[in-house]
Amino acid sequence: MAATPAADGDLDRTLAALADPSRRRVVELLGESPRSAGELARAVGLSAPAMSRHLRTLRRSGLVRESHPEFDARVRIYELVPEPIQGLQSWLAESERLWTTQLAAFKRHVEARTRR
């Protein structure tokens, strides 16, 4: 699983951001549709300051981005950025491939020893 140092750093930031259950819930909600911070706070059951801290972490990790609707620049709408999740999925797929290969080799080894 050779990855570039930059990719490793991106993956580390993604995993660190997803370590918190509230942030994982925010990512799930944003997977359904973009939402405002207030909508997210109500849906997750957090105060506005707590949600602000979680959204800051998610923005810094690159998992979400914010935009302002044309009708009101004071409102912030958050949406998922697909690339970090795609990077995580690629890493998981490669990890699964390596584990499958290793387990298959181990199985062959055990079966060969039991036939002796």
PDB file of N, CA and C in Angstrom:
ATOM      1  N   MET A   1       0.832  -1.179   0.000  1.00  0.00           N
ATOM      2  CA  MET A   1       0.000   0.000   0.000  1.00  0.00           C
ATOM      3  C   MET A   1       0.871   1.235   0.000  1.00  0.00           C
ATOM      4  N   ALA A   2       1.530   1.473  -1.067  1.00  0.00           N
ATOM      5  CA  ALA A   2       2.400   2.634  -1.163  1.00  0.00           C
ATOM      6  C   ALA A   2       1.556   3.868  -1.437  1.00  0.00           C
ATOM      7  N   ALA A   3       1.715   4.851  -0.585  1.00  0.00           N
ATOM      8  CA  ALA A   3       1.002   6.109  -0.767  1.00  0.00           C
ATOM      9  C   ALA A   3       2.008   7.239  -0.622  1.00  0.00           C
ATOM     10  N   THR A   4       1.673   8.351  -1.178  1.00  0.00           N
ATOM     11  CA  THR A   4       2.553   9.495  -1.054  1.00  0.00           C
ATOM     12  C   THR A   4       2.402  10.096   0.332  1.00  0.00           C
ATOM     13  N   PRO A   5       3.429  10.773   0.837  1.00  0.00           N
ATOM     14  CA  PRO A   5       3.299  11.411   2.152  1.00  0.00           C
ATOM     15  C   PRO A   5       2.123  12.370   2.215  1.00  0.00           C
ATOM     16  N   ALA A   6       1.867  13.094   1.131  1.00  0.00           N
ATOM     17  CA  ALA A   6       0.727  14.021   1.121  1.00  0.00           C
ATOM     18  C   ALA A   6      -0.575  13.249   1.254  1.00  0.00           C
ATOM     19  N   ALA A   7      -0.682  12.127   0.538  1.00  0.00           N
ATOM     20  CA  ALA A   7      -1.903  11.317   0.623  1.00  0.00           C
ATOM     21  C   ALA A   7      -2.062  10.748   2.025  1.00  0.00           C
ATOM     22  N   ASP A   8      -0.939  10.344   2.645  1.00  0.00           N
ATOM     23  CA  ASP A   8      -1.010   9.845   4.015  1.00  0.00           C
ATOM     24  C   ASP A   8      -1.531  10.930   4.952  1.00  0.00           C
ATOM     25  N   GLY A   9      -1.054  12.155   4.778  1.00  0.00           N
ATOM     26  CA  GLY A   9      -1.515  13.261   5.613  1.00  0.00           C
ATOM     27  C   GLY A   9      -2.992  13.539   5.409  1.00  0.00           C
ATOM     28  N   ASP A  10      -3.437  13.461   4.158  1.00  0.00           N
ATOM     29  CA  ASP A  10      -4.863  13.659   3.869  1.00  0.00           C
ATOM     30  C   ASP A  10      -5.698  12.592   4.555  1.00  0.00           C
ATOM     31  N   LEU A  11      -5.248  11.345   4.461  1.00  0.00           N
ATOM     32  CA  LEU A  11      -5.971  10.237   5.086  1.00  0.00           C
ATOM     33  C   LEU A  11      -5.983  10.403   6.600  1.00  0.00           C
ATOM     34  N   ASP A  12      -4.861  10.802   7.172  1.00  0.00           N
ATOM     35  CA  ASP A  12      -4.796  11.026   8.619  1.00  0.00           C
ATOM     36  C   ASP A  12      -5.800  12.085   9.056  1.00  0.00           C
ATOM     37  N   ARG A  13      -5.878  13.179   8.296  1.00  0.00           N
ATOM     38  CA  ARG A  13      -6.829  14.249   8.633  1.00  0.00           C
ATOM     39  C   ARG A  13      -8.263  13.755   8.512  1.00  0.00           C
ATOM     40  N   THR A  14      -8.539  12.966   7.476  1.00  0.00           N
ATOM     41  CA  THR A  14      -9.895  12.431   7.288  1.00  0.00           C
ATOM     42  C   THR A  14     -10.266  11.519   8.442  1.00  0.00           C
ATOM     43  N   LEU A  15      -9.377  10.600   8.784  1.00  0.00           N
ATOM     44  CA  LEU A  15      -9.669   9.664   9.873  1.00  0.00           C
ATOM     45  C   LEU A  15      -9.810  10.389  11.212  1.00  0.00           C
ATOM     46  N   ALA A  16      -8.962  11.369  11.451  1.00  0.00           N
ATOM     47  CA  ALA A  16      -9.051  12.127  12.702  1.00  0.00           C
ATOM     48  C   ALA A  16     -10.379  12.876  12.787  1.00  0.00           C
ATOM     49  N   ALA A  17     -10.806  13.464  11.686  1.00  0.00           N
ATOM     50  CA  ALA A  17     -12.078  14.190  11.680  1.00  0.00           C
ATOM     51  C   ALA A  17     -13.255  13.246  11.889  1.00  0.00           C
ATOM     52  N   LEU A  18     -13.170  12.048  11.339  1.00  0.00           N
ATOM     53  CA  LEU A  18     -14.268  11.085  11.452  1.00  0.00           C
ATOM     54  C   LEU A  18     -14.245  10.303  12.762  1.00  0.00           C
ATOM     55  N   ALA A  19     -13.249  10.538  13.607  1.00  0.00           N
ATOM     56  CA  ALA A  19     -13.147   9.817  14.875  1.00  0.00           C
ATOM     57  C   ALA A  19     -14.273  10.184  15.844  1.00  0.00           C
ATOM     58  N   ASP A  20     -14.856  11.338  15.661  1.00  0.00           N
ATOM     59  CA  ASP A  20     -15.912  11.805  16.563  1.00  0.00           C
ATOM     60  C   ASP A  20     -17.287  11.412  16.025  1.00  0.00           C
ATOM     61  N   PRO A  21     -18.142  10.810  16.865  1.00  0.00           N
ATOM     62  CA  PRO A  21     -19.467  10.379  16.391  1.00  0.00           C
ATOM     63  C   PRO A  21     -20.355  11.530  15.899  1.00  0.00           C
ATOM     64  N   SER A  22     -20.237  12.693  16.512  1.00  0.00           N
ATOM     65  CA  SER A  22     -21.054  13.831  16.053  1.00  0.00           C
ATOM     66  C   SER A  22     -20.630  14.260  14.656  1.00  0.00           C
ATOM     67  N   ARG A  23     -19.325  14.266  14.406  1.00  0.00           N
ATOM     68  CA  ARG A  23     -18.859  14.648  13.071  1.00  0.00           C
ATOM     69  C   ARG A  23     -19.243  13.595  12.039  1.00  0.00           C
ATOM     70  N   ARG A  24     -19.208  12.313  12.416  1.00  0.00           N
ATOM     71  CA  ARG A  24     -19.665  11.279  11.479  1.00  0.00           C
ATOM     72  C   ARG A  24     -21.145  11.478  11.157  1.00  0.00           C
ATOM     73  N   ARG A  25     -21.934  11.856  12.142  1.00  0.00           N
ATOM     74  CA  ARG A  25     -23.360  12.107  11.901  1.00  0.00           C
ATOM     75  C   ARG A  25     -23.544  13.301  10.970  1.00  0.00           C
ATOM     76  N   VAL A  26     -22.748  14.342  11.147  1.00  0.00           N
ATOM     77  CA  VAL A  26     -22.813  15.509  10.257  1.00  0.00           C
ATOM     78  C   VAL A  26     -22.497  15.078   8.828  1.00  0.00           C
ATOM     79  N   VAL A  27     -21.467  14.247   8.652  1.00  0.00           N
ATOM     80  CA  VAL A  27     -21.106  13.768   7.315  1.00  0.00           C
ATOM     81  C   VAL A  27     -22.258  12.960   6.720  1.00  0.00           C
ATOM     82  N   GLU A  28     -22.899  12.127   7.522  1.00  0.00           N
ATOM     83  CA  GLU A  28     -24.062  11.366   7.030  1.00  0.00           C
ATOM     84  C   GLU A  28     -25.173  12.309   6.571  1.00  0.00           C
ATOM     85  N   LEU A  29     -25.471  13.317   7.379  1.00  0.00           N
ATOM     86  CA  LEU A  29     -26.526  14.267   7.032  1.00  0.00           C
ATOM     87  C   LEU A  29     -26.182  15.048   5.767  1.00  0.00           C
ATOM     88  N   LEU A  30     -24.927  15.466   5.657  1.00  0.00           N
ATOM     89  CA  LEU A  30     -24.526  16.208   4.462  1.00  0.00           C
ATOM     90  C   LEU A  30     -24.487  15.305   3.237  1.00  0.00           C
ATOM     91  N   GLY A  31     -24.359  14.005   3.447  1.00  0.00           N
ATOM     92  CA  GLY A  31     -24.450  13.062   2.336  1.00  0.00           C
ATOM     93  C   GLY A  31     -25.841  13.034   1.729  1.00  0.00           C
ATOM     94  N   GLU A  32     -26.843  13.409   2.521  1.00  0.00           N
ATOM     95  CA  GLU A  32     -28.223  13.487   2.028  1.00  0.00           C
ATOM     96  C   GLU A  32     -28.462  14.778   1.265  1.00  0.00           C
ATOM     97  N   SER A  33     -27.962  15.889   1.822  1.00  0.00           N
ATOM     98  CA  SER A  33     -28.131  17.190   1.176  1.00  0.00           C
ATOM     99  C   SER A  33     -27.336  18.246   1.927  1.00  0.00           C
ATOM    100  N   PRO A  34     -26.960  19.334   1.237  1.00  0.00           N
ATOM    101  CA  PRO A  34     -26.302  20.459   1.926  1.00  0.00           C
ATOM    102  C   PRO A  34     -27.257  21.036   2.974  1.00  0.00           C
ATOM    103  N   ARG A  35     -26.684  21.556   4.045  1.00  0.00           N
ATOM    104  CA  ARG A  35     -27.508  22.108   5.137  1.00  0.00           C
ATOM    105  C   ARG A  35     -26.794  23.276   5.803  1.00  0.00           C
ATOM    106  N   SER A  36     -27.570  24.049   6.513  1.00  0.00           N
ATOM    107  CA  SER A  36     -26.988  25.144   7.291  1.00  0.00           C
ATOM    108  C   SER A  36     -26.477  24.594   8.621  1.00  0.00           C
ATOM    109  N   ALA A  37     -25.645  25.387   9.283  1.00  0.00           N
ATOM    110  CA  ALA A  37     -25.110  24.987  10.586  1.00  0.00           C
ATOM    111  C   ALA A  37     -26.236  24.783  11.593  1.00  0.00           C
ATOM    112  N   GLY A  38     -27.236  25.655  11.540  1.00  0.00           N
ATOM    113  CA  GLY A  38     -28.376  25.529  12.461  1.00  0.00           C
ATOM    114  C   GLY A  38     -29.142  24.235  12.252  1.00  0.00           C
ATOM    115  N   GLU A  39     -29.377  23.874  10.999  1.00  0.00           N
ATOM    116  CA  GLU A  39     -30.061  22.610  10.701  1.00  0.00           C
ATOM    117  C   GLU A  39     -29.256  21.425  11.220  1.00  0.00           C
ATOM    118  N   LEU A  40     -27.951  21.490  11.011  1.00  0.00           N
ATOM    119  CA  LEU A  40     -27.090  20.401  11.469  1.00  0.00           C
ATOM    120  C   LEU A  40     -27.093  20.306  12.992  1.00  0.00           C
ATOM    121  N   ALA A  41     -26.992  21.452  13.659  1.00  0.00           N
ATOM    122  CA  ALA A  41     -26.975  21.450  15.129  1.00  0.00           C
ATOM    123  C   ALA A  41     -28.260  20.841  15.685  1.00  0.00           C
ATOM    124  N   ARG A  42     -29.407  21.224  15.119  1.00  0.00           N
ATOM    125  CA  ARG A  42     -30.689  20.670  15.588  1.00  0.00           C
ATOM    126  C   ARG A  42     -30.760  19.165  15.325  1.00  0.00           C
ATOM    127  N   ALA A  43     -30.341  18.749  14.135  1.00  0.00           N
ATOM    128  CA  ALA A  43     -30.434  17.335  13.768  1.00  0.00           C
ATOM    129  C   ALA A  43     -29.524  16.458  14.632  1.00  0.00           C
ATOM    130  N   VAL A  44     -28.362  16.986  15.005  1.00  0.00           N
ATOM    131  CA  VAL A  44     -27.402  16.212  15.789  1.00  0.00           C
ATOM    132  C   VAL A  44     -27.650  16.391  17.291  1.00  0.00           C
ATOM    133  N   GLY A  45     -28.361  17.448  17.647  1.00  0.00           N
ATOM    134  CA  GLY A  45     -28.646  17.704  19.058  1.00  0.00           C
ATOM    135  C   GLY A  45     -27.501  18.388  19.787  1.00  0.00           C
ATOM    136  N   LEU A  46     -26.837  19.312  19.100  1.00  0.00           N
ATOM    137  CA  LEU A  46     -25.719  20.046  19.685  1.00  0.00           C
ATOM    138  C   LEU A  46     -26.030  21.540  19.736  1.00  0.00           C
ATOM    139  N   SER A  47     -25.328  22.220  20.616  1.00  0.00           N
ATOM    140  CA  SER A  47     -25.447  23.681  20.669  1.00  0.00           C
ATOM    141  C   SER A  47     -24.766  24.275  19.439  1.00  0.00           C
ATOM    142  N   ALA A  48     -25.114  25.523  19.146  1.00  0.00           N
ATOM    143  CA  ALA A  48     -24.494  26.201  18.003  1.00  0.00           C
ATOM    144  C   ALA A  48     -22.968  26.302  18.154  1.00  0.00           C
ATOM    145  N   PRO A  49     -22.440  26.656  19.341  1.00  0.00           N
ATOM    146  CA  PRO A  49     -20.976  26.713  19.466  1.00  0.00           C
ATOM    147  C   PRO A  49     -20.304  25.343  19.270  1.00  0.00           C
ATOM    148  N   ALA A  50     -20.923  24.298  19.782  1.00  0.00           N
ATOM    149  CA  ALA A  50     -20.349  22.953  19.606  1.00  0.00           C
ATOM    150  C   ALA A  50     -20.363  22.564  18.133  1.00  0.00           C
ATOM    151  N   MET A  51     -21.458  22.859  17.444  1.00  0.00           N
ATOM    152  CA  MET A  51     -21.534  22.532  16.018  1.00  0.00           C
ATOM    153  C   MET A  51     -20.505  23.341  15.240  1.00  0.00           C
ATOM    154  N   SER A  52     -20.313  24.584  15.623  1.00  0.00           N
ATOM    155  CA  SER A  52     -19.316  25.425  14.957  1.00  0.00           C
ATOM    156  C   SER A  52     -17.927  24.802  15.068  1.00  0.00           C
ATOM    157  N   ARG A  53     -17.580  24.286  16.245  1.00  0.00           N
ATOM    158  CA  ARG A  53     -16.269  23.645  16.426  1.00  0.00           C
ATOM    159  C   ARG A  53     -16.145  22.400  15.550  1.00  0.00           C
ATOM    160  N   HIS A  54     -17.209  21.592  15.496  1.00  0.00           N
ATOM    161  CA  HIS A  54     -17.175  20.386  14.664  1.00  0.00           C
ATOM    162  C   HIS A  54     -17.059  20.743  13.181  1.00  0.00           C
ATOM    163  N   LEU A  55     -17.794  21.750  12.745  1.00  0.00           N
ATOM    164  CA  LEU A  55     -17.726  22.157  11.338  1.00  0.00           C
ATOM    165  C   LEU A  55     -16.346  22.720  10.993  1.00  0.00           C
ATOM    166  N   ARG A  56     -15.741  23.429  11.926  1.00  0.00           N
ATOM    167  CA  ARG A  56     -14.384  23.944  11.699  1.00  0.00           C
ATOM    168  C   ARG A  56     -13.416  22.771  11.486  1.00  0.00           C
ATOM    169  N   THR A  57     -13.534  21.746  12.310  1.00  0.00           N
ATOM    170  CA  THR A  57     -12.674  20.562  12.160  1.00  0.00           C
ATOM    171  C   THR A  57     -12.920  19.881  10.817  1.00  0.00           C
ATOM    172  N   LEU A  58     -14.176  19.741  10.437  1.00  0.00           N
ATOM    173  CA  LEU A  58     -14.509  19.102   9.158  1.00  0.00           C
ATOM    174  C   LEU A  58     -14.017  19.933   7.974  1.00  0.00           C
ATOM    175  N   ARG A  59     -14.089  21.260   8.077  1.00  0.00           N
ATOM    176  CA  ARG A  59     -13.561  22.127   7.006  1.00  0.00           C
ATOM    177  C   ARG A  59     -12.051  21.992   6.908  1.00  0.00           C
ATOM    178  N   ARG A  60     -11.371  22.027   8.042  1.00  0.00           N
ATOM    179  CA  ARG A  60      -9.904  21.930   8.039  1.00  0.00           C
ATOM    180  C   ARG A  60      -9.432  20.584   7.491  1.00  0.00           C
ATOM    181  N   SER A  61     -10.221  19.549   7.698  1.00  0.00           N
ATOM    182  CA  SER A  61      -9.847  18.226   7.185  1.00  0.00           C
ATOM    183  C   SER A  61     -10.123  18.115   5.689  1.00  0.00           C
ATOM    184  N   GLY A  62     -10.893  19.052   5.154  1.00  0.00           N
ATOM    185  CA  GLY A  62     -11.241  19.025   3.738  1.00  0.00           C
ATOM    186  C   GLY A  62     -12.493  18.222   3.435  1.00  0.00           C
ATOM    187  N   LEU A  63     -13.178  17.716   4.469  1.00  0.00           N
ATOM    188  CA  LEU A  63     -14.376  16.908   4.242  1.00  0.00           C
ATOM    189  C   LEU A  63     -15.599  17.732   3.846  1.00  0.00           C
ATOM    190  N   VAL A  64     -15.667  18.969   4.321  1.00  0.00           N
ATOM    191  CA  VAL A  64     -16.809  19.823   3.974  1.00  0.00           C
ATOM    192  C   VAL A  64     -16.310  21.188   3.523  1.00  0.00           C
ATOM    193  N   ARG A  65     -17.170  21.858   2.800  1.00  0.00           N
ATOM    194  CA  ARG A  65     -16.898  23.245   2.411  1.00  0.00           C
ATOM    195  C   ARG A  65     -18.160  24.046   2.701  1.00  0.00           C
ATOM    196  N   GLU A  66     -17.961  25.327   2.849  1.00  0.00           N
ATOM    197  CA  GLU A  66     -19.101  26.210   3.103  1.00  0.00           C
ATOM    198  C   GLU A  66     -19.274  27.166   1.944  1.00  0.00           C
ATOM    199  N   SER A  67     -20.507  27.555   1.759  1.00  0.00           N
ATOM    200  CA  SER A  67     -20.817  28.561   0.749  1.00  0.00           C
ATOM    201  C   SER A  67     -21.904  29.464   1.323  1.00  0.00           C
ATOM    202  N   HIS A  68     -22.122  30.549   0.642  1.00  0.00           N
ATOM    203  CA  HIS A  68     -23.137  31.508   1.061  1.00  0.00           C
ATOM    204  C   HIS A  68     -24.163  31.638  -0.059  1.00  0.00           C
ATOM    205  N   PRO A  69     -25.436  31.445   0.247  1.00  0.00           N
ATOM    206  CA  PRO A  69     -26.444  31.614  -0.807  1.00  0.00           C
ATOM    207  C   PRO A  69     -26.523  33.079  -1.229  1.00  0.00           C
ATOM    208  N   GLU A  70     -26.908  33.274  -2.463  1.00  0.00           N
ATOM    209  CA  GLU A  70     -26.972  34.642  -2.994  1.00  0.00           C
ATOM    210  C   GLU A  70     -27.969  35.510  -2.235  1.00  0.00           C
ATOM    211  N   PHE A  71     -29.015  34.901  -1.696  1.00  0.00           N
ATOM    212  CA  PHE A  71     -30.061  35.695  -1.043  1.00  0.00           C
ATOM    213  C   PHE A  71     -29.640  36.236   0.324  1.00  0.00           C
ATOM    214  N   ASP A  72     -28.603  35.640   0.972  1.00  0.00           N
ATOM    215  CA  ASP A  72     -28.193  36.109   2.294  1.00  0.00           C
ATOM    216  C   ASP A  72     -26.761  35.659   2.567  1.00  0.00           C
ATOM    217  N   ALA A  73     -25.832  36.583   2.484  1.00  0.00           N
ATOM    218  CA  ALA A  73     -24.416  36.251   2.664  1.00  0.00           C
ATOM    219  C   ALA A  73     -24.094  35.875   4.107  1.00  0.00           C
ATOM    220  N   ARG A  74     -25.017  36.147   5.051  1.00  0.00           N
ATOM    221  CA  ARG A  74     -24.778  35.775   6.450  1.00  0.00           C
ATOM    222  C   ARG A  74     -24.989  34.285   6.687  1.00  0.00           C
ATOM    223  N   VAL A  75     -25.754  33.644   5.831  1.00  0.00           N
ATOM    224  CA  VAL A  75     -26.055  32.223   5.981  1.00  0.00           C
ATOM    225  C   VAL A  75     -24.924  31.401   5.381  1.00  0.00           C
ATOM    226  N   ARG A  76     -24.543  30.367   6.083  1.00  0.00           N
ATOM    227  CA  ARG A  76     -23.520  29.451   5.579  1.00  0.00           C
ATOM    228  C   ARG A  76     -24.171  28.096   5.331  1.00  0.00           C
ATOM    229  N   ILE A  77     -23.947  27.600   4.143  1.00  0.00           N
ATOM    230  CA  ILE A  77     -24.446  26.281   3.771  1.00  0.00           C
ATOM    231  C   ILE A  77     -23.238  25.354   3.651  1.00  0.00           C
ATOM    232  N   TYR A  78     -23.349  24.196   4.265  1.00  0.00           N
ATOM    233  CA  TYR A  78     -22.252  23.232   4.262  1.00  0.00           C
ATOM    234  C   TYR A  78     -22.599  22.058   3.356  1.00  0.00           C
ATOM    235  N   GLU A  79     -21.582  21.583   2.638  1.00  0.00           N
ATOM    236  CA  GLU A  79     -21.755  20.428   1.765  1.00  0.00           C
ATOM    237  C   GLU A  79     -20.497  19.570   1.824  1.00  0.00           C
ATOM    238  N   LEU A  80     -20.669  18.298   1.487  1.00  0.00           N
ATOM    239  CA  LEU A  80     -19.536  17.376   1.474  1.00  0.00           C
ATOM    240  C   LEU A  80     -18.613  17.652   0.307  1.00  0.00           C
ATOM    241  N   VAL A  81     -17.336  17.400   0.520  1.00  0.00           N
ATOM    242  CA  VAL A  81     -16.327  17.401  -0.536  1.00  0.00           C
ATOM    243  C   VAL A  81     -16.027  15.920  -0.784  1.00  0.00           C
ATOM    244  N   PRO A  82     -16.263  15.415  -1.985  1.00  0.00           N
ATOM    245  CA  PRO A  82     -16.166  13.966  -2.207  1.00  0.00           C
ATOM    246  C   PRO A  82     -14.747  13.390  -2.168  1.00  0.00           C
ATOM    247  N   GLU A  83     -13.737  14.144  -2.502  1.00  0.00           N
ATOM    248  CA  GLU A  83     -12.388  13.586  -2.643  1.00  0.00           C
ATOM    249  C   GLU A  83     -11.834  12.924  -1.370  1.00  0.00           C
ATOM    250  N   PRO A  84     -11.968  13.523  -0.183  1.00  0.00           N
ATOM    251  CA  PRO A  84     -11.437  12.836   1.003  1.00  0.00           C
ATOM    252  C   PRO A  84     -12.115  11.487   1.265  1.00  0.00           C
ATOM    253  N   ILE A  85     -13.414  11.412   1.033  1.00  0.00           N
ATOM    254  CA  ILE A  85     -14.127  10.147   1.235  1.00  0.00           C
ATOM    255  C   ILE A  85     -13.680   9.137   0.177  1.00  0.00           C
ATOM    256  N   GLN A  86     -13.473   9.600  -1.038  1.00  0.00           N
ATOM    257  CA  GLN A  86     -12.983   8.699  -2.089  1.00  0.00           C
ATOM    258  C   GLN A  86     -11.595   8.181  -1.748  1.00  0.00           C
ATOM    259  N   GLY A  87     -10.749   9.039  -1.191  1.00  0.00           N
ATOM    260  CA  GLY A  87      -9.417   8.614  -0.760  1.00  0.00           C
ATOM    261  C   GLY A  87      -9.495   7.569   0.340  1.00  0.00           C
ATOM    262  N   LEU A  88     -10.413   7.768   1.280  1.00  0.00           N
ATOM    263  CA  LEU A  88     -10.618   6.793   2.351  1.00  0.00           C
ATOM    264  C   LEU A  88     -11.121   5.469   1.788  1.00  0.00           C
ATOM    265  N   GLN A  89     -12.062   5.539   0.858  1.00  0.00           N
ATOM    266  CA  GLN A  89     -12.581   4.314   0.243  1.00  0.00           C
ATOM    267  C   GLN A  89     -11.482   3.565  -0.506  1.00  0.00           C
ATOM    268  N   SER A  90     -10.621   4.278  -1.200  1.00  0.00           N
ATOM    269  CA  SER A  90      -9.505   3.643  -1.908  1.00  0.00           C
ATOM    270  C   SER A  90      -8.563   2.959  -0.930  1.00  0.00           C
ATOM    271  N   TRP A  91      -8.242   3.644   0.159  1.00  0.00           N
ATOM    272  CA  TRP A  91      -7.356   3.070   1.162  1.00  0.00           C
ATOM    273  C   TRP A  91      -7.981   1.815   1.775  1.00  0.00           C
ATOM    274  N   LEU A  92      -9.281   1.874   2.082  1.00  0.00           N
ATOM    275  CA  LEU A  92      -9.961   0.712   2.649  1.00  0.00           C
ATOM    276  C   LEU A  92      -9.989  -0.455   1.663  1.00  0.00           C
ATOM    277  N   ALA A  93     -10.236  -0.167   0.400  1.00  0.00           N
ATOM    278  CA  ALA A  93     -10.257  -1.226  -0.617  1.00  0.00           C
ATOM    279  C   ALA A  93      -8.889  -1.883  -0.740  1.00  0.00           C
ATOM    280  N   GLU A  94      -7.829  -1.084  -0.731  1.00  0.00           N
ATOM    281  CA  GLU A  94      -6.472  -1.627  -0.807  1.00  0.00           C
ATOM    282  C   GLU A  94      -6.148  -2.448   0.441  1.00  0.00           C
ATOM    283  N   SER A  95      -6.554  -1.956   1.604  1.00  0.00           N
ATOM    284  CA  SER A  95      -6.343  -2.702   2.850  1.00  0.00           C
ATOM    285  C   SER A  95      -7.075  -4.031   2.810  1.00  0.00           C
ATOM    286  N   GLU A  96      -8.292  -4.014   2.327  1.00  0.00           N
ATOM    287  CA  GLU A  96      -9.065  -5.254   2.221  1.00  0.00           C
ATOM    288  C   GLU A  96      -8.392  -6.223   1.252  1.00  0.00           C
ATOM    289  N   ARG A  97      -7.894  -5.708   0.137  1.00  0.00           N
ATOM    290  CA  ARG A  97      -7.216  -6.564  -0.831  1.00  0.00           C
ATOM    291  C   ARG A  97      -5.996  -7.222  -0.205  1.00  0.00           C
ATOM    292  N   LEU A  98      -5.209  -6.435   0.532  1.00  0.00           N
ATOM    293  CA  LEU A  98      -4.024  -6.990   1.178  1.00  0.00           C
ATOM    294  C   LEU A  98      -4.389  -8.040   2.220  1.00  0.00           C
ATOM    295  N   TRP A  99      -5.411  -7.768   3.030  1.00  0.00           N
ATOM    296  CA  TRP A  99      -5.847  -8.743   4.035  1.00  0.00           C
ATOM    297  C   TRP A  99      -6.361 -10.013   3.369  1.00  0.00           C
ATOM    298  N   THR A 100      -7.113  -9.871   2.317  1.00  0.00           N
ATOM    299  CA  THR A 100      -7.643 -11.035   1.612  1.00  0.00           C
ATOM    300  C   THR A 100      -6.507 -11.879   1.052  1.00  0.00           C
ATOM    301  N   THR A 101      -5.521 -11.232   0.478  1.00  0.00           N
ATOM    302  CA  THR A 101      -4.361 -11.940  -0.059  1.00  0.00           C
ATOM    303  C   THR A 101      -3.617 -12.675   1.057  1.00  0.00           C
ATOM    304  N   GLN A 102      -3.384 -11.984   2.161  1.00  0.00           N
ATOM    305  CA  GLN A 102      -2.671 -12.593   3.287  1.00  0.00           C
ATOM    306  C   GLN A 102      -3.450 -13.753   3.892  1.00  0.00           C
ATOM    307  N   LEU A 103      -4.751 -13.580   4.059  1.00  0.00           N
ATOM    308  CA  LEU A 103      -5.570 -14.656   4.638  1.00  0.00           C
ATOM    309  C   LEU A 103      -5.648 -15.866   3.711  1.00  0.00           C
ATOM    310  N   ALA A 104      -5.716 -15.625   2.411  1.00  0.00           N
ATOM    311  CA  ALA A 104      -5.734 -16.734   1.456  1.00  0.00           C
ATOM    312  C   ALA A 104      -4.413 -17.498   1.507  1.00  0.00           C
ATOM    313  N   ALA A 105      -3.307 -16.794   1.611  1.00  0.00           N
ATOM    314  CA  ALA A 105      -2.002 -17.448   1.708  1.00  0.00           C
ATOM    315  C   ALA A 105      -1.902 -18.245   3.007  1.00  0.00           C
ATOM    316  N   PHE A 106      -2.402 -17.682   4.087  1.00  0.00           N
ATOM    317  CA  PHE A 106      -2.394 -18.391   5.366  1.00  0.00           C
ATOM    318  C   PHE A 106      -3.249 -19.649   5.296  1.00  0.00           C
ATOM    319  N   LYS A 107      -4.403 -19.550   4.674  1.00  0.00           N
ATOM    320  CA  LYS A 107      -5.287 -20.706   4.515  1.00  0.00           C
ATOM    321  C   LYS A 107      -4.586 -21.811   3.725  1.00  0.00           C
ATOM    322  N   ARG A 108      -3.939 -21.435   2.630  1.00  0.00           N
ATOM    323  CA  ARG A 108      -3.198 -22.431   1.827  1.00  0.00           C
ATOM    324  C   ARG A 108      -2.103 -23.084   2.653  1.00  0.00           C
ATOM    325  N   HIS A 109      -1.410 -22.295   3.455  1.00  0.00           N
ATOM    326  CA  HIS A 109      -0.343 -22.813   4.298  1.00  0.00           C
ATOM    327  C   HIS A 109      -0.896 -23.820   5.321  1.00  0.00           C
ATOM    328  N   VAL A 110      -1.965 -23.488   5.985  1.00  0.00           N
ATOM    329  CA  VAL A 110      -2.570 -24.375   6.979  1.00  0.00           C
ATOM    330  C   VAL A 110      -3.084 -25.647   6.312  1.00  0.00           C
ATOM    331  N   GLU A 111      -3.762 -25.496   5.195  1.00  0.00           N
ATOM    332  CA  GLU A 111      -4.280 -26.678   4.501  1.00  0.00           C
ATOM    333  C   GLU A 111      -3.146 -27.592   4.039  1.00  0.00           C
ATOM    334  N   ALA A 112      -2.049 -27.031   3.569  1.00  0.00           N
ATOM    335  CA  ALA A 112      -0.906 -27.841   3.122  1.00  0.00           C
ATOM    336  C   ALA A 112      -0.294 -28.592   4.302  1.00  0.00           C
ATOM    337  N   ARG A 113      -0.233 -27.949   5.472  1.00  0.00           N
ATOM    338  CA  ARG A 113       0.337 -28.598   6.654  1.00  0.00           C
ATOM    339  C   ARG A 113      -0.559 -29.707   7.169  1.00  0.00           C
ATOM    340  N   THR A 114      -1.874 -29.552   7.055  1.00  0.00           N
ATOM    341  CA  THR A 114      -2.780 -30.587   7.568  1.00  0.00           C
ATOM    342  C   THR A 114      -2.826 -31.802   6.643  1.00  0.00           C
ATOM    343  N   ARG A 115      -2.418 -31.656   5.402  1.00  0.00           N
ATOM    344  CA  ARG A 115      -2.405 -32.782   4.464  1.00  0.00           C
ATOM    345  C   ARG A 115      -1.171 -33.669   4.657  1.00  0.00           C
ATOM    346  N   ARG A 116      -0.170 -33.176   5.342  1.00  0.00           N
ATOM    347  CA  ARG A 116       1.076 -33.939   5.513  1.00  0.00           C
ATOM    348  C   ARG A 116       0.898 -35.099   6.439  1.00  0.00           C
TER     349      ARG A 116
END
